[in-house]
């Protein structure tokens, strides 16, 4: 079970963290540009980015719970 966590869950978690930083940067740049240029920003982009951020946070929670479950199984 530890090998599964080392080979699948932890690399997925690190890739998810990198994606989260990218999408937060994209989201904040879109919000910052919004009052100045209406053509480069739309609510659809905002909802898309918020949806991706929500999926990333959900993935982080699932990976954390799986990691805790693996740690609990290894302590028995």
PDB file of N, CA and C in Angstrom:
ATOM      1  N   UNK A   1       0.828  -1.196   0.000  1.00  0.00           N
ATOM      2  CA  UNK A   1       0.000   0.000   0.000  1.00  0.00           C
ATOM      3  C   UNK A   1       0.871   1.258   0.000  1.00  0.00           C
ATOM      4  N   UNK A   2       1.992   1.201   0.684  1.00  0.00           N
ATOM      5  CA  UNK A   2       2.907   2.348   0.710  1.00  0.00           C
ATOM      6  C   UNK A   2       3.488   2.607  -0.683  1.00  0.00           C
ATOM      7  N   UNK A   3       3.753   1.527  -1.431  1.00  0.00           N
ATOM      8  CA  UNK A   3       4.278   1.690  -2.789  1.00  0.00           C
ATOM      9  C   UNK A   3       3.253   2.386  -3.678  1.00  0.00           C
ATOM     10  N   UNK A   4       1.980   2.065  -3.477  1.00  0.00           N
ATOM     11  CA  UNK A   4       0.926   2.737  -4.241  1.00  0.00           C
ATOM     12  C   UNK A   4       0.922   4.226  -3.942  1.00  0.00           C
ATOM     13  N   UNK A   5       1.067   4.572  -2.682  1.00  0.00           N
ATOM     14  CA  UNK A   5       1.091   5.986  -2.311  1.00  0.00           C
ATOM     15  C   UNK A   5       2.324   6.675  -2.877  1.00  0.00           C
ATOM     16  N   UNK A   6       3.475   6.001  -2.835  1.00  0.00           N
ATOM     17  CA  UNK A   6       4.710   6.613  -3.329  1.00  0.00           C
ATOM     18  C   UNK A   6       4.707   6.776  -4.840  1.00  0.00           C
ATOM     19  N   UNK A   7       4.101   5.841  -5.548  1.00  0.00           N
ATOM     20  CA  UNK A   7       4.157   5.876  -7.012  1.00  0.00           C
ATOM     21  C   UNK A   7       3.024   6.654  -7.652  1.00  0.00           C
ATOM     22  N   UNK A   8       1.880   6.728  -7.020  1.00  0.00           N
ATOM     23  CA  UNK A   8       0.719   7.351  -7.667  1.00  0.00           C
ATOM     24  C   UNK A   8       0.247   8.598  -6.928  1.00  0.00           C
ATOM     25  N   UNK A   9      -0.019   8.476  -5.645  1.00  0.00           N
ATOM     26  CA  UNK A   9      -0.702   9.557  -4.932  1.00  0.00           C
ATOM     27  C   UNK A   9       0.204  10.761  -4.721  1.00  0.00           C
ATOM     28  N   UNK A  10       1.436  10.563  -4.279  1.00  0.00           N
ATOM     29  CA  UNK A  10       2.305  11.707  -3.994  1.00  0.00           C
ATOM     30  C   UNK A  10       2.733  12.461  -5.254  1.00  0.00           C
ATOM     31  N   UNK A  11       3.076  11.792  -6.371  1.00  0.00           N
ATOM     32  CA  UNK A  11       3.333  12.569  -7.599  1.00  0.00           C
ATOM     33  C   UNK A  11       2.099  13.315  -8.096  1.00  0.00           C
ATOM     34  N   UNK A  12       0.930  12.691  -7.942  1.00  0.00           N
ATOM     35  CA  UNK A  12      -0.304  13.367  -8.331  1.00  0.00           C
ATOM     36  C   UNK A  12      -0.538  14.588  -7.455  1.00  0.00           C
ATOM     37  N   UNK A  13      -0.243  14.466  -6.186  1.00  0.00           N
ATOM     38  CA  UNK A  13      -0.396  15.591  -5.272  1.00  0.00           C
ATOM     39  C   UNK A  13       0.548  16.732  -5.638  1.00  0.00           C
ATOM     40  N   UNK A  14       1.791  16.430  -5.960  1.00  0.00           N
ATOM     41  CA  UNK A  14       2.733  17.495  -6.317  1.00  0.00           C
ATOM     42  C   UNK A  14       2.350  18.150  -7.635  1.00  0.00           C
ATOM     43  N   UNK A  15       1.893  17.374  -8.603  1.00  0.00           N
ATOM     44  CA  UNK A  15       1.437  17.965  -9.868  1.00  0.00           C
ATOM     45  C   UNK A  15       0.202  18.824  -9.642  1.00  0.00           C
ATOM     46  N   UNK A  16      -0.667  18.409  -8.746  1.00  0.00           N
ATOM     47  CA  UNK A  16      -1.865  19.184  -8.441  1.00  0.00           C
ATOM     48  C   UNK A  16      -1.503  20.512  -7.800  1.00  0.00           C
ATOM     49  N   UNK A  17      -0.509  20.522  -6.932  1.00  0.00           N
ATOM     50  CA  UNK A  17      -0.090  21.772  -6.294  1.00  0.00           C
ATOM     51  C   UNK A  17       0.472  22.740  -7.329  1.00  0.00           C
ATOM     52  N   UNK A  18       1.262  22.238  -8.267  1.00  0.00           N
ATOM     53  CA  UNK A  18       1.801  23.096  -9.328  1.00  0.00           C
ATOM     54  C   UNK A  18       0.668  23.665 -10.172  1.00  0.00           C
ATOM     55  N   UNK A  19      -0.310  22.829 -10.529  1.00  0.00           N
ATOM     56  CA  UNK A  19      -1.448  23.315 -11.317  1.00  0.00           C
ATOM     57  C   UNK A  19      -2.239  24.355 -10.538  1.00  0.00           C
ATOM     58  N   UNK A  20      -2.368  24.159  -9.239  1.00  0.00           N
ATOM     59  CA  UNK A  20      -3.121  25.110  -8.429  1.00  0.00           C
ATOM     60  C   UNK A  20      -2.460  26.485  -8.440  1.00  0.00           C
ATOM     61  N   UNK A  21      -1.146  26.542  -8.319  1.00  0.00           N
ATOM     62  CA  UNK A  21      -0.452  27.833  -8.392  1.00  0.00           C
ATOM     63  C   UNK A  21      -0.670  28.495  -9.745  1.00  0.00           C
ATOM     64  N   UNK A  22      -0.631  27.713 -10.815  1.00  0.00           N
ATOM     65  CA  UNK A  22      -0.836  28.270 -12.153  1.00  0.00           C
ATOM     66  C   UNK A  22      -2.241  28.854 -12.294  1.00  0.00           C
ATOM     67  N   UNK A  23      -3.252  28.114 -11.859  1.00  0.00           N
ATOM     68  CA  UNK A  23      -4.620  28.593 -12.035  1.00  0.00           C
ATOM     69  C   UNK A  23      -4.946  29.754 -11.102  1.00  0.00           C
ATOM     70  N   UNK A  24      -4.352  29.783  -9.899  1.00  0.00           N
ATOM     71  CA  UNK A  24      -4.538  30.953  -9.043  1.00  0.00           C
ATOM     72  C   UNK A  24      -3.920  32.190  -9.677  1.00  0.00           C
ATOM     73  N   UNK A  25      -2.740  32.038 -10.286  1.00  0.00           N
ATOM     74  CA  UNK A  25      -2.107  33.176 -10.958  1.00  0.00           C
ATOM     75  C   UNK A  25      -2.963  33.658 -12.122  1.00  0.00           C
ATOM     76  N   UNK A  26      -3.514  32.725 -12.883  1.00  0.00           N
ATOM     77  CA  UNK A  26      -4.381  33.100 -13.997  1.00  0.00           C
ATOM     78  C   UNK A  26      -5.657  33.775 -13.497  1.00  0.00           C
ATOM     79  N   UNK A  27      -6.223  33.255 -12.433  1.00  0.00           N
ATOM     80  CA  UNK A  27      -7.445  33.830 -11.875  1.00  0.00           C
ATOM     81  C   UNK A  27      -7.205  35.242 -11.362  1.00  0.00           C
ATOM     82  N   UNK A  28      -6.133  35.448 -10.616  1.00  0.00           N
ATOM     83  CA  UNK A  28      -5.864  36.779 -10.073  1.00  0.00           C
ATOM     84  C   UNK A  28      -5.517  37.779 -11.165  1.00  0.00           C
ATOM     85  N   UNK A  29      -4.837  37.334 -12.218  1.00  0.00           N
ATOM     86  CA  UNK A  29      -4.539  38.263 -13.309  1.00  0.00           C
ATOM     87  C   UNK A  29      -5.814  38.653 -14.039  1.00  0.00           C
ATOM     88  N   UNK A  30      -6.752  37.721 -14.180  1.00  0.00           N
ATOM     89  CA  UNK A  30      -8.024  38.053 -14.828  1.00  0.00           C
ATOM     90  C   UNK A  30      -8.829  39.022 -13.972  1.00  0.00           C
ATOM     91  N   UNK A  31      -8.837  38.829 -12.662  1.00  0.00           N
ATOM     92  CA  UNK A  31      -9.573  39.740 -11.780  1.00  0.00           C
ATOM     93  C   UNK A  31      -8.916  41.117 -11.763  1.00  0.00           C
ATOM     94  N   UNK A  32      -7.586  41.157 -11.799  1.00  0.00           N
ATOM     95  CA  UNK A  32      -6.883  42.439 -11.773  1.00  0.00           C
ATOM     96  C   UNK A  32      -7.130  43.235 -13.055  1.00  0.00           C
ATOM     97  N   UNK A  33      -7.214  42.564 -14.191  1.00  0.00           N
ATOM     98  CA  UNK A  33      -7.407  43.248 -15.470  1.00  0.00           C
ATOM     99  C   UNK A  33      -8.852  43.650 -15.703  1.00  0.00           C
ATOM    100  N   UNK A  34      -9.782  43.111 -14.935  1.00  0.00           N
ATOM    101  CA  UNK A  34     -11.195  43.286 -15.237  1.00  0.00           C
ATOM    102  C   UNK A  34     -11.658  44.743 -15.281  1.00  0.00           C
ATOM    103  N   UNK A  35     -11.334  45.593 -14.302  1.00  0.00           N
ATOM    104  CA  UNK A  35     -11.868  46.959 -14.396  1.00  0.00           C
ATOM    105  C   UNK A  35     -11.263  47.763 -15.543  1.00  0.00           C
ATOM    106  N   UNK A  36     -10.108  47.358 -16.041  1.00  0.00           N
ATOM    107  CA  UNK A  36      -9.406  48.172 -17.029  1.00  0.00           C
ATOM    108  C   UNK A  36      -9.697  47.753 -18.462  1.00  0.00           C
ATOM    109  N   UNK A  37      -9.942  46.487 -18.680  1.00  0.00           N
ATOM    110  CA  UNK A  37     -10.224  46.050 -20.055  1.00  0.00           C
ATOM    111  C   UNK A  37     -11.325  44.997 -20.017  1.00  0.00           C
ATOM    112  N   UNK A  38     -12.494  45.381 -20.441  1.00  0.00           N
ATOM    113  CA  UNK A  38     -13.634  44.470 -20.410  1.00  0.00           C
ATOM    114  C   UNK A  38     -13.518  43.383 -21.467  1.00  0.00           C
ATOM    115  N   UNK A  39     -12.767  43.638 -22.516  1.00  0.00           N
ATOM    116  CA  UNK A  39     -12.704  42.657 -23.596  1.00  0.00           C
ATOM    117  C   UNK A  39     -11.879  41.425 -23.219  1.00  0.00           C
ATOM    118  N   UNK A  40     -10.925  41.571 -22.293  1.00  0.00           N
ATOM    119  CA  UNK A  40     -10.057  40.436 -21.974  1.00  0.00           C
ATOM    120  C   UNK A  40     -10.584  39.610 -20.800  1.00  0.00           C
ATOM    121  N   UNK A  41     -11.744  39.935 -20.296  1.00  0.00           N
ATOM    122  CA  UNK A  41     -12.254  39.234 -19.120  1.00  0.00           C
ATOM    123  C   UNK A  41     -13.727  38.924 -19.324  1.00  0.00           C
ATOM    124  N   UNK A  42     -14.124  37.747 -18.964  1.00  0.00           N
ATOM    125  CA  UNK A  42     -15.540  37.401 -19.006  1.00  0.00           C
ATOM    126  C   UNK A  42     -15.869  36.570 -17.772  1.00  0.00           C
ATOM    127  N   UNK A  43     -17.122  36.561 -17.428  1.00  0.00           N
ATOM    128  CA  UNK A  43     -17.534  35.766 -16.264  1.00  0.00           C
ATOM    129  C   UNK A  43     -17.336  34.278 -16.506  1.00  0.00           C
ATOM    130  N   UNK A  44     -17.407  33.879 -17.769  1.00  0.00           N
ATOM    131  CA  UNK A  44     -17.173  32.470 -18.074  1.00  0.00           C
ATOM    132  C   UNK A  44     -15.744  32.066 -17.713  1.00  0.00           C
ATOM    133  N   UNK A  45     -14.775  32.946 -17.994  1.00  0.00           N
ATOM    134  CA  UNK A  45     -13.391  32.667 -17.590  1.00  0.00           C
ATOM    135  C   UNK A  45     -13.276  32.569 -16.073  1.00  0.00           C
ATOM    136  N   UNK A  46     -13.956  33.470 -15.380  1.00  0.00           N
ATOM    137  CA  UNK A  46     -13.908  33.449 -13.918  1.00  0.00           C
ATOM    138  C   UNK A  46     -14.501  32.153 -13.373  1.00  0.00           C
ATOM    139  N   UNK A  47     -15.667  31.754 -13.888  1.00  0.00           N
ATOM    140  CA  UNK A  47     -16.291  30.517 -13.416  1.00  0.00           C
ATOM    141  C   UNK A  47     -15.451  29.300 -13.782  1.00  0.00           C
ATOM    142  N   UNK A  48     -14.831  29.340 -14.950  1.00  0.00           N
ATOM    143  CA  UNK A  48     -13.956  28.235 -15.360  1.00  0.00           C
ATOM    144  C   UNK A  48     -12.778  28.107 -14.396  1.00  0.00           C
ATOM    145  N   UNK A  49     -12.132  29.220 -14.106  1.00  0.00           N
ATOM    146  CA  UNK A  49     -10.982  29.184 -13.198  1.00  0.00           C
ATOM    147  C   UNK A  49     -11.397  28.789 -11.784  1.00  0.00           C
ATOM    148  N   UNK A  50     -12.523  29.295 -11.312  1.00  0.00           N
ATOM    149  CA  UNK A  50     -12.989  28.914  -9.976  1.00  0.00           C
ATOM    150  C   UNK A  50     -13.337  27.429  -9.917  1.00  0.00           C
ATOM    151  N   UNK A  51     -13.912  26.906 -10.995  1.00  0.00           N
ATOM    152  CA  UNK A  51     -14.216  25.476 -11.052  1.00  0.00           C
ATOM    153  C   UNK A  51     -12.961  24.629 -11.017  1.00  0.00           C
ATOM    154  N   UNK A  52     -11.945  25.059 -11.743  1.00  0.00           N
ATOM    155  CA  UNK A  52     -10.674  24.318 -11.742  1.00  0.00           C
ATOM    156  C   UNK A  52     -10.033  24.374 -10.358  1.00  0.00           C
ATOM    157  N   UNK A  53     -10.067  25.550  -9.727  1.00  0.00           N
ATOM    158  CA  UNK A  53      -9.497  25.679  -8.381  1.00  0.00           C
ATOM    159  C   UNK A  53     -10.257  24.779  -7.404  1.00  0.00           C
ATOM    160  N   UNK A  54     -11.587  24.723  -7.532  1.00  0.00           N
ATOM    161  CA  UNK A  54     -12.378  23.851  -6.661  1.00  0.00           C
ATOM    162  C   UNK A  54     -12.014  22.380  -6.887  1.00  0.00           C
ATOM    163  N   UNK A  55     -11.823  21.986  -8.144  1.00  0.00           N
ATOM    164  CA  UNK A  55     -11.422  20.608  -8.424  1.00  0.00           C
ATOM    165  C   UNK A  55     -10.040  20.296  -7.858  1.00  0.00           C
ATOM    166  N   UNK A  56      -9.131  21.258  -7.950  1.00  0.00           N
ATOM    167  CA  UNK A  56      -7.783  21.052  -7.417  1.00  0.00           C
ATOM    168  C   UNK A  56      -7.826  20.910  -5.899  1.00  0.00           C
ATOM    169  N   UNK A  57      -8.613  21.755  -5.237  1.00  0.00           N
ATOM    170  CA  UNK A  57      -8.730  21.662  -3.778  1.00  0.00           C
ATOM    171  C   UNK A  57      -9.364  20.331  -3.376  1.00  0.00           C
ATOM    172  N   UNK A  58     -10.374  19.894  -4.127  1.00  0.00           N
ATOM    173  CA  UNK A  58     -10.989  18.597  -3.869  1.00  0.00           C
ATOM    174  C   UNK A  58      -9.960  17.476  -4.045  1.00  0.00           C
ATOM    175  N   UNK A  59      -9.129  17.577  -5.081  1.00  0.00           N
ATOM    176  CA  UNK A  59      -8.078  16.584  -5.297  1.00  0.00           C
ATOM    177  C   UNK A  59      -7.070  16.557  -4.170  1.00  0.00           C
ATOM    178  N   UNK A  60      -6.725  17.744  -3.651  1.00  0.00           N
ATOM    179  CA  UNK A  60      -5.802  17.812  -2.517  1.00  0.00           C
ATOM    180  C   UNK A  60      -6.393  17.149  -1.285  1.00  0.00           C
ATOM    181  N   UNK A  61      -7.680  17.366  -1.050  1.00  0.00           N
ATOM    182  CA  UNK A  61      -8.337  16.756   0.110  1.00  0.00           C
ATOM    183  C   UNK A  61      -8.359  15.238  -0.031  1.00  0.00           C
ATOM    184  N   UNK A  62      -8.700  14.750  -1.225  1.00  0.00           N
ATOM    185  CA  UNK A  62      -8.738  13.301  -1.451  1.00  0.00           C
ATOM    186  C   UNK A  62      -7.351  12.692  -1.291  1.00  0.00           C
ATOM    187  N   UNK A  63      -6.330  13.363  -1.829  1.00  0.00           N
ATOM    188  CA  UNK A  63      -4.965  12.842  -1.703  1.00  0.00           C
ATOM    189  C   UNK A  63      -4.507  12.848  -0.248  1.00  0.00           C
ATOM    190  N   UNK A  64      -4.871  13.880   0.499  1.00  0.00           N
ATOM    191  CA  UNK A  64      -4.495  13.950   1.912  1.00  0.00           C
ATOM    192  C   UNK A  64      -5.165  12.832   2.705  1.00  0.00           C
ATOM    193  N   UNK A  65      -6.450  12.609   2.433  1.00  0.00           N
ATOM    194  CA  UNK A  65      -7.149  11.542   3.154  1.00  0.00           C
ATOM    195  C   UNK A  65      -6.590  10.171   2.793  1.00  0.00           C
ATOM    196  N   UNK A  66      -6.227   9.984   1.528  1.00  0.00           N
ATOM    197  CA  UNK A  66      -5.632   8.705   1.125  1.00  0.00           C
ATOM    198  C   UNK A  66      -4.278   8.513   1.793  1.00  0.00           C
ATOM    199  N   UNK A  67      -3.509   9.584   1.897  1.00  0.00           N
ATOM    200  CA  UNK A  67      -2.203   9.492   2.560  1.00  0.00           C
ATOM    201  C   UNK A  67      -2.363   9.150   4.036  1.00  0.00           C
ATOM    202  N   UNK A  68      -3.325   9.790   4.691  1.00  0.00           N
ATOM    203  CA  UNK A  68      -3.574   9.480   6.104  1.00  0.00           C
ATOM    204  C   UNK A  68      -4.027   8.035   6.271  1.00  0.00           C
ATOM    205  N   UNK A  69      -4.852   7.551   5.340  1.00  0.00           N
ATOM    206  CA  UNK A  69      -5.321   6.173   5.419  1.00  0.00           C
ATOM    207  C   UNK A  69      -4.153   5.202   5.270  1.00  0.00           C
ATOM    208  N   UNK A  70      -3.222   5.522   4.370  1.00  0.00           N
ATOM    209  CA  UNK A  70      -2.040   4.676   4.196  1.00  0.00           C
ATOM    210  C   UNK A  70      -1.182   4.702   5.451  1.00  0.00           C
ATOM    211  N   UNK A  71      -1.013   5.864   6.044  1.00  0.00           N
ATOM    212  CA  UNK A  71      -0.216   5.956   7.272  1.00  0.00           C
ATOM    213  C   UNK A  71      -0.864   5.182   8.413  1.00  0.00           C
ATOM    214  N   UNK A  72      -2.184   5.248   8.510  1.00  0.00           N
ATOM    215  CA  UNK A  72      -2.875   4.502   9.565  1.00  0.00           C
ATOM    216  C   UNK A  72      -2.745   2.999   9.340  1.00  0.00           C
ATOM    217  N   UNK A  73      -2.790   2.564   8.083  1.00  0.00           N
ATOM    218  CA  UNK A  73      -2.654   1.141   7.787  1.00  0.00           C
ATOM    219  C   UNK A  73      -1.243   0.650   8.091  1.00  0.00           C
ATOM    220  N   UNK A  74      -0.255   1.512   7.920  1.00  0.00           N
ATOM    221  CA  UNK A  74       1.127   1.108   8.185  1.00  0.00           C
ATOM    222  C   UNK A  74       1.451   1.071   9.669  1.00  0.00           C
ATOM    223  N   UNK A  75       0.701   1.779  10.496  1.00  0.00           N
ATOM    224  CA  UNK A  75       0.987   1.792  11.932  1.00  0.00           C
ATOM    225  C   UNK A  75       0.377   0.599  12.654  1.00  0.00           C
ATOM    226  N   UNK A  76      -0.553  -0.096  12.028  1.00  0.00           N
ATOM    227  CA  UNK A  76      -1.173  -1.251  12.680  1.00  0.00           C
ATOM    228  C   UNK A  76      -0.270  -2.436  12.719  1.00  0.00           C
TER     229      UNK A  76
END
